[in-house]
Amino acid sequence: MAKVNPSEYGSSEHRLKLTPEVLGSPETVVLTIKEATTGIETGDGRKAAFLVFEEYPEYAYWLNKKGILALVERLGGDDFDWPRHRVPLRLVQTSNPTTGSSVVTFHVAPAWDWDELLAGTGKVPEAAESDRE
């Protein structure tokens, strides 16, 4: 129910990640938003946001600014409208902004890639399901 202004967001030092290991490290996965929480104030004056997915309700996926931009472009600027939408995540290698070390994580796919990725299977990887039991 909050309007989302992507320019207000930056990464948060307090990330709790839905890690690639939880999902079996697929290159791409499509998950369904159950809940979107935006506008979380961080200690450094920035805002943070996270998604909870229907397929993994026990985890939070913390968004970076590019992910927020893609969500706003594809789903609109009101996070109240985001639940029930499917979102493609891509496995990427990037640098940890705090330590500078190389990490493998998920990023929301750029908005221009969504149509192709959503047309794919959109299924939760088999390995991830078996790991959860």
C-alpha atoms as a PDB file:
ATOM      1  CA  MET A   1       0.000   0.000   0.000  1.00  0.00           C
ATOM      2  CA  ALA A   2       3.057   2.214  -0.098  1.00  0.00           C
ATOM      3  CA  LYS A   3       4.232   4.069  -3.171  1.00  0.00           C
ATOM      4  CA  VAL A   4       7.741   2.950  -4.070  1.00  0.00           C
ATOM      5  CA  ASN A   5      10.308   5.499  -5.208  1.00  0.00           C
ATOM      6  CA  PRO A   6      13.342   3.499  -6.455  1.00  0.00           C
ATOM      7  CA  SER A   7      15.727   6.442  -5.983  1.00  0.00           C
ATOM      8  CA  GLU A   8      15.273   6.206  -2.193  1.00  0.00           C
ATOM      9  CA  TYR A   9      16.658   2.680  -1.979  1.00  0.00           C
ATOM     10  CA  GLY A  10      20.156   1.357  -1.482  1.00  0.00           C
ATOM     11  CA  SER A  11      21.561  -1.896  -0.253  1.00  0.00           C
ATOM     12  CA  SER A  12      21.262  -2.738   3.411  1.00  0.00           C
ATOM     13  CA  GLU A  13      24.016  -4.001   5.700  1.00  0.00           C
ATOM     14  CA  HIS A  14      21.401  -6.202   7.371  1.00  0.00           C
ATOM     15  CA  ARG A  15      20.586  -8.545   4.497  1.00  0.00           C
ATOM     16  CA  LEU A  16      18.902 -11.829   5.173  1.00  0.00           C
ATOM     17  CA  LYS A  17      19.145 -13.661   1.874  1.00  0.00           C
ATOM     18  CA  LEU A  18      17.179 -16.319   0.150  1.00  0.00           C
ATOM     19  CA  THR A  19      20.459 -17.892  -0.927  1.00  0.00           C
ATOM     20  CA  PRO A  20      21.143 -19.859  -4.097  1.00  0.00           C
ATOM     21  CA  GLU A  21      21.912 -22.890  -1.929  1.00  0.00           C
ATOM     22  CA  VAL A  22      18.353 -22.876  -0.556  1.00  0.00           C
ATOM     23  CA  LEU A  23      17.025 -23.242  -4.109  1.00  0.00           C
ATOM     24  CA  GLY A  24      19.627 -25.692  -5.356  1.00  0.00           C
ATOM     25  CA  SER A  25      21.572 -22.959  -7.253  1.00  0.00           C
ATOM     26  CA  PRO A  26      19.543 -22.830 -10.495  1.00  0.00           C
ATOM     27  CA  GLU A  27      20.675 -20.261 -13.082  1.00  0.00           C
ATOM     28  CA  THR A  28      17.150 -18.828 -13.230  1.00  0.00           C
ATOM     29  CA  VAL A  29      14.096 -19.399 -11.075  1.00  0.00           C
ATOM     30  CA  VAL A  30      10.602 -17.898 -11.213  1.00  0.00           C
ATOM     31  CA  LEU A  31       8.878 -17.416  -7.857  1.00  0.00           C
ATOM     32  CA  THR A  32       5.516 -15.957  -6.819  1.00  0.00           C
ATOM     33  CA  ILE A  33       5.417 -12.951  -4.514  1.00  0.00           C
ATOM     34  CA  LYS A  34       3.442 -13.613  -1.346  1.00  0.00           C
ATOM     35  CA  GLU A  35       4.338 -10.399   0.478  1.00  0.00           C
ATOM     36  CA  ALA A  36       6.291  -7.216  -0.285  1.00  0.00           C
ATOM     37  CA  THR A  37       7.706  -5.073   2.503  1.00  0.00           C
ATOM     38  CA  THR A  38       9.217  -1.745   1.493  1.00  0.00           C
ATOM     39  CA  GLY A  39      10.372   1.415   3.203  1.00  0.00           C
ATOM     40  CA  ILE A  40      12.328  -0.263   6.006  1.00  0.00           C
ATOM     41  CA  GLU A  41      14.575   2.377   7.546  1.00  0.00           C
ATOM     42  CA  THR A  42      18.199   1.347   7.939  1.00  0.00           C
ATOM     43  CA  GLY A  43      20.648   2.891  10.366  1.00  0.00           C
ATOM     44  CA  ASP A  44      22.462   4.763   7.588  1.00  0.00           C
ATOM     45  CA  GLY A  45      19.421   6.710   6.375  1.00  0.00           C
ATOM     46  CA  ARG A  46      18.689   4.436   3.443  1.00  0.00           C
ATOM     47  CA  LYS A  47      15.636   2.314   2.899  1.00  0.00           C
ATOM     48  CA  ALA A  48      15.483  -1.427   2.393  1.00  0.00           C
ATOM     49  CA  ALA A  49      12.874  -3.778   0.982  1.00  0.00           C
ATOM     50  CA  PHE A  50      12.264  -7.497   0.856  1.00  0.00           C
ATOM     51  CA  LEU A  51       9.953 -10.025  -0.725  1.00  0.00           C
ATOM     52  CA  VAL A  52       8.542 -13.235   0.686  1.00  0.00           C
ATOM     53  CA  PHE A  53       7.714 -15.861  -1.921  1.00  0.00           C
ATOM     54  CA  GLU A  54       4.823 -18.332  -1.769  1.00  0.00           C
ATOM     55  CA  GLU A  55       7.191 -21.188  -2.572  1.00  0.00           C
ATOM     56  CA  TYR A  56       9.574 -20.322   0.317  1.00  0.00           C
ATOM     57  CA  PRO A  57       7.556 -18.409   2.931  1.00  0.00           C
ATOM     58  CA  GLU A  58      10.169 -19.010   5.641  1.00  0.00           C
ATOM     59  CA  TYR A  59      12.752 -16.885   3.791  1.00  0.00           C
ATOM     60  CA  ALA A  60      13.057 -13.207   2.937  1.00  0.00           C
ATOM     61  CA  TYR A  61      14.637 -12.058  -0.301  1.00  0.00           C
ATOM     62  CA  TRP A  62      16.246  -8.655   0.217  1.00  0.00           C
ATOM     63  CA  LEU A  63      16.105  -6.428  -2.847  1.00  0.00           C
ATOM     64  CA  ASN A  64      18.818  -4.234  -4.279  1.00  0.00           C
ATOM     65  CA  LYS A  65      18.098  -1.008  -6.127  1.00  0.00           C
ATOM     66  CA  LYS A  66      18.160  -2.620  -9.596  1.00  0.00           C
ATOM     67  CA  GLY A  67      15.666  -5.236  -8.419  1.00  0.00           C
ATOM     68  CA  ILE A  68      13.355  -2.515  -7.146  1.00  0.00           C
ATOM     69  CA  LEU A  69      13.661  -0.693 -10.478  1.00  0.00           C
ATOM     70  CA  ALA A  70      12.691  -3.869 -12.376  1.00  0.00           C
ATOM     71  CA  LEU A  71       9.724  -4.540 -10.061  1.00  0.00           C
ATOM     72  CA  VAL A  72       8.452  -0.969 -10.387  1.00  0.00           C
ATOM     73  CA  GLU A  73       8.827  -1.067 -14.177  1.00  0.00           C
ATOM     74  CA  ARG A  74       7.000  -4.393 -14.540  1.00  0.00           C
ATOM     75  CA  LEU A  75       4.516  -4.373 -11.651  1.00  0.00           C
ATOM     76  CA  GLY A  76       3.994  -0.671 -10.914  1.00  0.00           C
ATOM     77  CA  GLY A  77       5.027   1.624  -8.112  1.00  0.00           C
ATOM     78  CA  ASP A  78       2.543   0.416  -5.496  1.00  0.00           C
ATOM     79  CA  ASP A  79       3.904  -2.593  -3.570  1.00  0.00           C
ATOM     80  CA  PHE A  80       0.342  -3.506  -2.577  1.00  0.00           C
ATOM     81  CA  ASP A  81      -0.126  -4.733  -6.168  1.00  0.00           C
ATOM     82  CA  TRP A  82       2.979  -6.957  -6.231  1.00  0.00           C
ATOM     83  CA  PRO A  83       1.717 -10.091  -4.408  1.00  0.00           C
ATOM     84  CA  ARG A  84       0.570 -12.954  -6.643  1.00  0.00           C
ATOM     85  CA  HIS A  85       2.902 -11.838  -9.441  1.00  0.00           C
ATOM     86  CA  ARG A  86       5.674 -14.132 -10.640  1.00  0.00           C
ATOM     87  CA  VAL A  87       9.212 -12.751 -10.565  1.00  0.00           C
ATOM     88  CA  PRO A  88      12.274 -14.170 -12.347  1.00  0.00           C
ATOM     89  CA  LEU A  89      15.519 -14.302 -10.366  1.00  0.00           C
ATOM     90  CA  ARG A  90      18.898 -14.879 -12.007  1.00  0.00           C
ATOM     91  CA  LEU A  91      22.023 -16.332 -10.467  1.00  0.00           C
ATOM     92  CA  VAL A  92      24.817 -13.750 -10.672  1.00  0.00           C
ATOM     93  CA  GLN A  93      28.367 -13.354  -9.466  1.00  0.00           C
ATOM     94  CA  THR A  94      28.876  -9.943  -7.922  1.00  0.00           C
ATOM     95  CA  SER A  95      30.921  -8.127  -5.302  1.00  0.00           C
ATOM     96  CA  ASN A  96      29.786  -7.796  -1.713  1.00  0.00           C
ATOM     97  CA  PRO A  97      29.395  -4.004  -1.275  1.00  0.00           C
ATOM     98  CA  THR A  98      30.790  -4.113   2.250  1.00  0.00           C
ATOM     99  CA  THR A  99      33.735  -6.503   1.897  1.00  0.00           C
ATOM    100  CA  GLY A 100      34.420  -6.333  -1.838  1.00  0.00           C
ATOM    101  CA  SER A 101      34.610 -10.138  -1.938  1.00  0.00           C
ATOM    102  CA  SER A 102      33.090 -12.062  -4.835  1.00  0.00           C
ATOM    103  CA  VAL A 103      29.737 -13.710  -4.045  1.00  0.00           C
ATOM    104  CA  VAL A 104      27.131 -15.713  -5.957  1.00  0.00           C
ATOM    105  CA  THR A 105      23.592 -14.536  -5.307  1.00  0.00           C
ATOM    106  CA  PHE A 106      20.228 -13.944  -6.956  1.00  0.00           C
ATOM    107  CA  HIS A 107      19.147 -10.691  -8.579  1.00  0.00           C
ATOM    108  CA  VAL A 108      15.729  -9.837  -9.958  1.00  0.00           C
ATOM    109  CA  ALA A 109      16.077 -10.140 -13.735  1.00  0.00           C
ATOM    110  CA  PRO A 110      16.019  -6.862 -15.689  1.00  0.00           C
ATOM    111  CA  ALA A 111      12.498  -5.875 -16.757  1.00  0.00           C
ATOM    112  CA  TRP A 112      13.233  -6.404 -20.458  1.00  0.00           C
ATOM    113  CA  ASP A 113      14.039 -10.103 -19.831  1.00  0.00           C
ATOM    114  CA  TRP A 114      10.851 -10.961 -17.937  1.00  0.00           C
ATOM    115  CA  ASP A 115       8.634 -11.990 -20.869  1.00  0.00           C
ATOM    116  CA  GLU A 116      11.109 -14.603 -22.071  1.00  0.00           C
ATOM    117  CA  LEU A 117      11.877 -15.869 -18.555  1.00  0.00           C
ATOM    118  CA  LEU A 118       8.228 -16.008 -17.489  1.00  0.00           C
ATOM    119  CA  ALA A 119       7.408 -17.990 -20.638  1.00  0.00           C
ATOM    120  CA  GLY A 120       9.837 -20.693 -19.434  1.00  0.00           C
ATOM    121  CA  THR A 121       8.919 -23.400 -16.954  1.00  0.00           C
ATOM    122  CA  GLY A 122       8.574 -21.126 -13.940  1.00  0.00           C
ATOM    123  CA  LYS A 123       8.874 -24.186 -11.729  1.00  0.00           C
ATOM    124  CA  VAL A 124      10.729 -24.410  -8.464  1.00  0.00           C
ATOM    125  CA  PRO A 125      13.803 -26.598  -9.048  1.00  0.00           C
ATOM    126  CA  GLU A 126      13.475 -30.278  -8.081  1.00  0.00           C
ATOM    127  CA  ALA A 127      16.619 -30.138  -5.913  1.00  0.00           C
ATOM    128  CA  ALA A 128      15.199 -27.286  -3.902  1.00  0.00           C
ATOM    129  CA  GLU A 129      12.001 -29.191  -3.117  1.00  0.00           C
ATOM    130  CA  SER A 130      13.887 -32.271  -1.921  1.00  0.00           C
ATOM    131  CA  ASP A 131      16.282 -30.156   0.164  1.00  0.00           C
ATOM    132  CA  ARG A 132      13.344 -28.616   2.029  1.00  0.00           C
ATOM    133  CA  GLU A 133      11.930 -31.936   3.282  1.00  0.00           C
END
